[in-house]
Protein backbone atom coordinates (compact mmCIF):
# COMPACT_ATOMS: atom_id res chain seq x y z
CA MET A 1 -4.63 -25.84 -3.04
CA LYS A 2 -5.53 -23.71 -6.08
CA ILE A 3 -5.60 -19.95 -5.42
CA CYS A 4 -7.06 -17.15 -7.54
CA TYR A 5 -6.56 -13.44 -6.84
CA PHE A 6 -9.07 -10.89 -8.15
CA SER A 7 -8.57 -7.12 -8.38
CA CYS A 8 -10.52 -4.53 -10.39
CA SER A 9 -7.56 -2.16 -10.46
CA SER A 10 -5.38 -1.80 -13.53
CA ILE A 11 -2.90 0.76 -12.14
CA TYR A 12 0.14 -0.16 -10.06
CA GLY A 13 0.30 1.16 -6.52
CA GLY A 14 0.74 -0.10 -2.98
CA VAL A 15 -2.24 -2.50 -3.03
CA GLU A 16 -1.22 -3.89 -6.39
CA LYS A 17 2.33 -4.45 -5.19
CA ILE A 18 0.91 -6.54 -2.34
CA VAL A 19 -1.07 -8.57 -4.87
CA VAL A 20 1.93 -9.09 -7.14
CA ASP A 21 4.48 -9.90 -4.44
CA SER A 22 2.09 -12.28 -2.67
CA LEU A 23 1.24 -14.16 -5.86
CA ASN A 24 4.83 -14.34 -7.03
CA GLU A 25 5.75 -16.05 -3.77
CA ILE A 26 2.87 -18.46 -3.29
CA SER A 27 2.92 -19.48 -6.97
CA LYS A 28 6.24 -21.18 -6.24
CA TYR A 29 4.27 -23.81 -4.34
CA TYR A 30 0.65 -23.70 -5.54
CA GLU A 31 -1.32 -23.22 -8.73
CA CYS A 32 -2.29 -19.54 -8.93
CA ALA A 33 -4.22 -17.17 -11.16
CA LEU A 34 -4.88 -13.44 -11.24
CA ILE A 35 -8.04 -11.81 -12.61
CA VAL A 36 -7.59 -8.16 -13.64
CA PRO A 37 -9.18 -5.67 -16.06
CA ASN A 38 -8.22 -5.75 -19.72
CA GLY A 39 -5.11 -3.63 -20.27
CA CYS A 40 -3.76 -4.13 -16.74
CA ARG A 41 -0.57 -2.08 -16.42
CA TYR A 42 1.27 -4.31 -13.98
CA LYS A 43 0.82 -7.78 -15.46
CA ASP A 44 4.46 -7.76 -16.60
CA LYS A 45 5.47 -7.74 -12.91
CA VAL A 46 3.66 -11.02 -12.26
CA SER A 47 5.57 -14.31 -12.29
CA SER A 48 5.18 -16.60 -15.30
CA ASN A 49 3.95 -19.20 -12.78
CA VAL A 50 0.72 -17.20 -12.42
CA LYS A 51 -2.08 -17.52 -14.98
CA ILE A 52 -3.30 -14.01 -15.84
CA VAL A 53 -6.91 -13.55 -16.93
CA GLU A 54 -7.89 -10.11 -18.21
CA TYR A 55 -11.65 -9.69 -18.24
CA LYS A 56 -13.14 -7.90 -21.23
CA SER A 57 -16.59 -6.99 -19.88
CA TYR A 58 -17.59 -3.44 -18.92
CA ASP A 59 -16.23 -2.79 -15.44
CA LYS A 60 -19.41 -2.15 -13.43
CA ARG A 61 -20.46 -3.84 -10.19
CA TYR A 62 -23.75 -5.15 -11.57
CA ASN A 63 -22.79 -5.99 -15.14
CA PRO A 64 -24.04 -9.59 -15.62
CA PHE A 65 -21.51 -10.26 -18.37
CA LEU A 66 -18.67 -9.37 -15.99
CA TYR A 67 -20.11 -11.75 -13.38
CA LEU A 68 -20.29 -14.59 -15.89
CA GLU A 69 -16.77 -13.92 -17.11
CA VAL A 70 -15.33 -13.93 -13.59
CA LEU A 71 -17.36 -16.97 -12.53
CA ASN A 72 -15.99 -18.96 -15.44
CA VAL A 73 -12.54 -18.54 -13.91
CA ILE A 74 -13.02 -18.67 -10.16
CA LYS A 75 -15.22 -21.78 -10.16
CA ASN A 76 -12.02 -23.74 -10.84
CA TYR A 77 -10.19 -22.57 -7.69
CA ASP A 78 -10.31 -23.54 -4.03
CA ILE A 79 -9.62 -20.05 -2.70
CA VAL A 80 -10.52 -16.73 -4.30
CA HIS A 81 -8.73 -13.81 -2.64
CA THR A 82 -10.11 -10.37 -3.48
CA HIS A 83 -8.50 -6.97 -3.00
CA GLY A 84 -10.74 -3.90 -3.04
CA ALA A 85 -14.46 -3.40 -2.42
CA LYS A 86 -15.62 -3.89 -6.01
CA ALA A 87 -13.90 -7.25 -6.54
CA THR A 88 -15.05 -8.31 -3.07
CA GLN A 89 -18.70 -7.49 -3.77
CA ILE A 90 -18.68 -9.33 -7.10
CA THR A 91 -17.07 -12.40 -5.58
CA TYR A 92 -19.35 -12.37 -2.53
CA LEU A 93 -22.40 -12.62 -4.78
CA LEU A 94 -20.81 -15.29 -6.99
CA ASN A 95 -19.97 -17.32 -3.89
CA LYS A 96 -23.71 -17.82 -3.39
CA ILE A 97 -23.91 -19.92 -6.55
CA SER A 98 -20.43 -21.46 -6.66
CA SER A 99 -18.58 -23.34 -3.92
CA PHE A 100 -15.19 -21.84 -3.16
CA ILE A 101 -13.56 -20.17 -0.16
CA HIS A 102 -13.69 -16.39 -0.40
CA VAL A 103 -10.96 -14.39 1.33
CA ALA A 104 -11.02 -10.57 1.14
CA THR A 105 -8.37 -8.08 2.22
CA LYS A 106 -9.45 -4.65 3.49
CA HIS A 107 -6.70 -2.12 2.88
CA ASN A 108 -8.09 1.11 4.33
CA THR A 109 -10.23 2.60 7.09
CA ARG A 110 -12.87 3.96 4.72
CA LYS A 111 -16.37 2.52 4.70
CA GLY A 112 -16.76 -0.78 2.92
CA LYS A 113 -19.92 -2.50 4.11
CA ILE A 114 -19.31 -5.52 1.90
CA PHE A 115 -16.47 -6.60 4.21
CA ASN A 116 -19.03 -7.04 7.01
CA LYS A 117 -20.68 -9.77 4.94
CA VAL A 118 -17.61 -11.82 4.00
CA LYS A 119 -16.65 -14.58 6.43
CA ASN A 120 -12.87 -14.57 5.87
CA VAL A 121 -11.45 -11.05 6.00
CA ILE A 122 -7.82 -9.98 6.35
CA SER A 123 -7.17 -6.46 7.68
CA VAL A 124 -3.85 -4.79 6.95
CA SER A 125 -3.78 -3.21 10.42
CA SER A 126 -5.63 -3.20 13.73
CA GLU A 127 -7.10 0.21 12.90
CA VAL A 128 -8.57 -1.21 9.69
CA ALA A 129 -9.95 -4.20 11.64
CA LYS A 130 -11.92 -1.78 13.82
CA THR A 131 -13.92 -0.68 10.76
CA ILE A 132 -15.35 -4.19 10.30
CA THR A 133 -18.18 -5.47 12.50
CA ASN A 134 -17.09 -9.13 12.32
CA PRO A 135 -13.72 -10.43 13.55
CA SER A 136 -10.93 -10.34 10.96
CA LYS A 137 -7.36 -11.52 10.74
CA VAL A 138 -4.83 -8.71 11.13
CA LEU A 139 -1.93 -9.53 8.84
CA TYR A 140 0.79 -6.94 8.35
CA PHE A 141 2.35 -7.08 4.91
CA GLY A 142 6.05 -7.82 4.66
CA ILE A 143 8.83 -6.17 2.73
CA GLN A 144 11.59 -8.07 1.00
CA LYS A 145 14.73 -6.69 2.55
CA SER A 146 17.13 -4.74 0.37
CA GLU A 147 20.77 -5.57 0.84
CA ASN A 148 21.87 -2.80 3.23
CA LEU A 149 21.27 0.10 0.89
CA ILE A 150 23.75 2.88 1.55
CA PHE A 151 23.64 5.96 -0.63
CA GLU A 152 25.38 9.30 -0.42
CA LYS A 153 22.88 11.91 0.69
CA ASN A 154 22.47 15.02 -1.43
CA GLU A 155 24.13 18.17 -0.16
CA ILE A 156 20.71 19.79 -0.09
CA PHE A 157 18.30 18.46 2.56
CA THR A 158 16.09 16.08 0.58
CA ILE A 159 12.52 15.18 1.53
CA LEU A 160 10.67 12.30 -0.14
CA ALA A 161 6.96 11.54 -0.39
CA VAL A 162 5.52 8.51 -2.21
CA GLY A 163 1.94 7.80 -3.30
CA ARG A 164 -0.61 8.27 -6.02
CA LEU A 165 -1.39 11.90 -6.83
CA ASP A 166 -4.80 11.89 -5.23
CA PRO A 167 -6.40 14.38 -2.77
CA ILE A 168 -6.47 11.71 -0.08
CA LYS A 169 -2.65 11.72 0.03
CA GLY A 170 -2.52 15.36 1.12
CA PHE A 171 0.28 16.39 -1.24
CA ASP A 172 -1.31 19.79 -1.80
CA LYS A 173 -1.12 20.49 1.94
CA LEU A 174 2.43 19.13 2.04
CA ILE A 175 3.53 21.55 -0.68
CA GLU A 176 1.95 24.44 1.22
CA GLN A 177 3.83 23.37 4.35
CA VAL A 178 7.26 23.13 2.73
CA SER A 179 6.74 26.57 1.20
CA LYS A 180 7.15 27.87 4.79
CA LEU A 181 10.59 26.31 5.31
CA GLU A 182 13.37 28.83 5.83
CA PHE A 183 16.30 26.64 4.74
CA ASP A 184 17.38 25.16 1.44
CA PHE A 185 15.60 21.88 0.66
CA LYS A 186 14.41 19.59 -2.10
CA LEU A 187 11.02 17.81 -2.03
CA ASN A 188 10.58 14.88 -4.40
CA ILE A 189 7.12 13.37 -4.84
CA ILE A 190 6.98 9.94 -6.50
CA GLY A 191 3.69 8.82 -8.01
CA GLU A 192 1.13 9.40 -10.72
CA GLY A 193 -2.52 10.35 -10.57
CA SER A 194 -5.42 12.68 -11.27
CA GLN A 195 -4.12 15.57 -9.15
CA LYS A 196 -0.95 16.12 -11.15
CA LEU A 197 -2.04 19.33 -12.91
CA LYS A 198 -3.36 20.85 -9.69
CA LEU A 199 -0.11 20.08 -7.88
CA GLU A 200 1.97 21.50 -10.74
CA LYS A 201 -0.02 24.75 -10.53
CA LEU A 202 0.42 24.85 -6.76
CA ILE A 203 4.18 24.46 -7.16
CA ILE A 204 4.26 27.35 -9.64
CA ASP A 205 1.98 29.56 -7.52
CA ASN A 206 4.32 29.10 -4.55
CA LYS A 207 7.42 29.67 -6.74
CA LEU A 208 8.80 26.24 -5.79
CA GLU A 209 9.75 25.04 -9.28
CA LYS A 210 13.39 24.62 -8.23
CA LYS A 211 12.55 22.96 -4.92
CA VAL A 212 9.61 20.62 -5.50
CA SER A 213 9.59 17.92 -8.21
CA LEU A 214 6.90 15.49 -9.30
CA LEU A 215 8.95 12.49 -10.41
CA GLY A 216 6.15 10.25 -11.68
CA PHE A 217 6.27 6.49 -11.27
CA LYS A 218 9.54 4.91 -10.10
CA ASN A 219 10.49 1.26 -9.64
CA ASN A 220 13.40 1.80 -7.28
CA ILE A 221 11.61 3.28 -4.25
CA PRO A 222 14.06 1.80 -1.68
CA GLU A 223 16.97 3.59 -3.35
CA TYR A 224 15.13 6.93 -3.24
CA LEU A 225 14.26 6.37 0.43
CA ALA A 226 17.83 5.50 1.37
CA SER A 227 19.28 8.54 -0.41
CA SER A 228 16.81 11.05 1.09
CA HIS A 229 17.19 12.73 4.47
CA LEU A 230 13.53 12.51 5.44
CA GLN A 231 10.41 10.62 4.35
CA VAL A 232 7.02 12.28 4.85
CA ILE A 233 3.54 10.77 4.70
CA SER A 234 0.87 13.47 4.50
CA SER A 235 -2.20 11.27 3.98
CA LEU A 236 -5.64 12.31 5.22
CA THR A 237 -6.63 8.65 5.68
CA GLU A 238 -4.80 5.33 5.34
CA GLY A 239 -4.89 1.64 6.15
CA LEU A 240 -1.25 0.74 6.50
CA PRO A 241 0.59 2.22 3.50
CA LEU A 242 3.25 0.15 1.83
CA THR A 243 5.47 3.23 1.63
CA LEU A 244 5.61 3.28 5.44
CA LEU A 245 6.82 -0.33 5.56
CA GLU A 246 9.40 0.39 2.86
CA GLY A 247 10.44 3.44 4.87
CA ILE A 248 10.93 1.43 8.07
CA MET A 249 13.37 -0.72 6.11
CA ASN A 250 15.20 2.09 4.29
CA SER A 251 14.48 5.64 5.52
CA PRO A 252 16.65 7.38 8.13
CA VAL A 253 13.64 9.31 9.51
CA ILE A 254 9.89 9.29 8.82
CA ILE A 255 7.12 11.63 9.91
CA SER A 256 3.47 11.09 9.17
CA THR A 257 -0.01 12.31 9.87
CA PRO A 258 -1.59 10.20 12.66
CA VAL A 259 -4.01 8.19 10.50
CA GLY A 260 -5.00 4.52 10.16
CA GLY A 261 -2.50 1.81 10.97
CA ILE A 262 0.39 4.28 10.87
CA VAL A 263 -0.27 5.01 14.55
CA GLU A 264 0.49 1.33 15.28
CA VAL A 265 4.00 1.72 13.88
CA LEU A 266 5.43 5.21 14.30
CA ASP A 267 6.32 6.50 17.74
CA LYS A 268 4.18 9.44 18.86
CA ASP A 269 7.14 11.82 18.41
CA TYR A 270 6.94 11.19 14.66
CA LEU A 271 3.18 11.55 14.29
CA VAL A 272 2.43 15.12 13.24
CA LYS A 273 -0.68 17.04 12.23
CA ILE A 274 -0.35 18.25 8.66
CA GLU A 275 -0.55 21.90 9.74
CA ASP A 276 2.54 21.34 11.91
CA PHE A 277 4.69 19.68 9.23
CA SER A 278 6.84 22.75 8.54
CA THR A 279 7.68 23.14 12.22
CA LYS A 280 8.56 19.46 12.63
CA ILE A 281 10.65 19.35 9.45
CA SER A 282 12.62 22.39 10.63
CA GLU A 283 13.20 20.71 14.00
CA ILE A 284 14.55 17.60 12.25
CA TYR A 285 16.77 19.69 9.98
CA ASN A 286 18.30 21.55 12.93
CA ASN A 287 18.99 18.41 14.99
CA TYR A 288 19.34 15.83 12.28
CA GLU A 289 21.93 13.35 13.57
CA ASN A 290 20.37 13.03 17.03
CA ILE A 291 16.89 12.58 15.61
CA CYS A 292 18.11 9.92 13.18
CA GLU A 293 19.57 7.96 16.08
CA ASP A 294 16.39 8.36 18.12
CA PHE A 295 14.23 7.21 15.22
CA LYS A 296 16.37 4.12 14.68
CA LEU A 297 16.24 3.12 18.35
CA LYS A 298 12.45 3.44 18.46
CA HIS A 299 11.69 1.61 15.22
CA GLU A 300 14.46 -0.94 14.58
CA HIS A 301 12.35 -3.85 15.93
CA PHE A 302 9.74 -3.32 13.22
CA LYS A 303 12.19 -4.54 10.58
CA GLN A 304 11.59 -8.08 11.79
CA LYS A 305 7.85 -7.54 12.22
CA PHE A 306 7.53 -6.59 8.57
CA ASP A 307 9.67 -9.42 7.19
CA PHE A 308 8.25 -10.72 3.90
CA ASN A 309 9.03 -14.37 4.60
CA ASP A 310 7.04 -14.26 7.84
CA TYR A 311 4.15 -12.59 6.03
CA SER A 312 4.12 -15.27 3.31
CA LYS A 313 4.10 -18.10 5.85
CA ASN A 314 1.28 -16.50 7.83
CA LEU A 315 -0.77 -15.95 4.66
CA LEU A 316 -0.48 -19.58 3.60
CA GLU A 317 -1.35 -20.75 7.10
CA TYR A 318 -4.45 -18.58 6.97
CA TYR A 319 -5.51 -20.16 3.66
CA LYS A 320 -5.00 -23.65 5.07
CA GLY A 321 -7.01 -22.72 8.16
CA CYS A 322 -9.91 -21.59 5.95
CA ILE A 323 -9.83 -24.89 4.07
CA ASN A 324 -9.68 -26.94 7.26
CA ALA A 325 -12.60 -24.99 8.73
CA LYS A 326 -14.70 -25.71 5.64
CA THR A 327 -14.05 -29.47 5.79
CA LEU A 328 -15.06 -29.79 9.46
């Protein structure tokens, strides 16, 4: 079985981590390749077992030179697994002239009509699956367990948010909410993106320079989660964010907006409308130890559900099932 992944993203975020971790594991057993844009920022995270192909053509959905460049690679593989709507659309059209099995993963609940046309679709959550007209395989991603991370908490109540600095992540609304808190706190936001300048201005306008920090990109997310008192997810829409799965493994408490696949994981007591974040955070601060214990009791079983080894086995079984179905 020869497997090729294709993504039109060059930045490193949650989706790209799924691509990298999946490839690094399955390349231990099968021949694998990864097609990415020229100048991809995360290729150094990919195992040397994986052949990396950086396409040079202009990155537009209907650029014929891009199609030819991609086709020259994927025609040599049994399975082409795409991540993202653009890569999925390109591969769907190429599949009409070249015989390979196309698998596409849908990562969010936003519209993506191309996923209704692809036969083999993986959804990252049941909520995402509902956005596709045809049946899809719900496959929760897995997290490689950290070795019982235990870190001393800061004296100041520390809140952590992780994600690209994009309007869809709701960090502007989060900053407005923490500005209402009446106790000493520290909010750290990890991530990079186009909204950085706007968020910096918002921090200054609310006189939160000493309380809110934009930390940029960080590799050691589990350590930050383990050393914070509270993780918050303020997204306006989501599929099933990787930061939630990492939080289940490492965070003492998580609250989130009730969007996407998050509602399949977090207990209703930890699903909060963004306009109520300040009230909920204050409640957690004032009753911290009891809430930590309650959160652990309600979510401990998910640590097994999101085990990376189980995910890898299920992914390979899905590939084999696609191949078997084609040969019948």
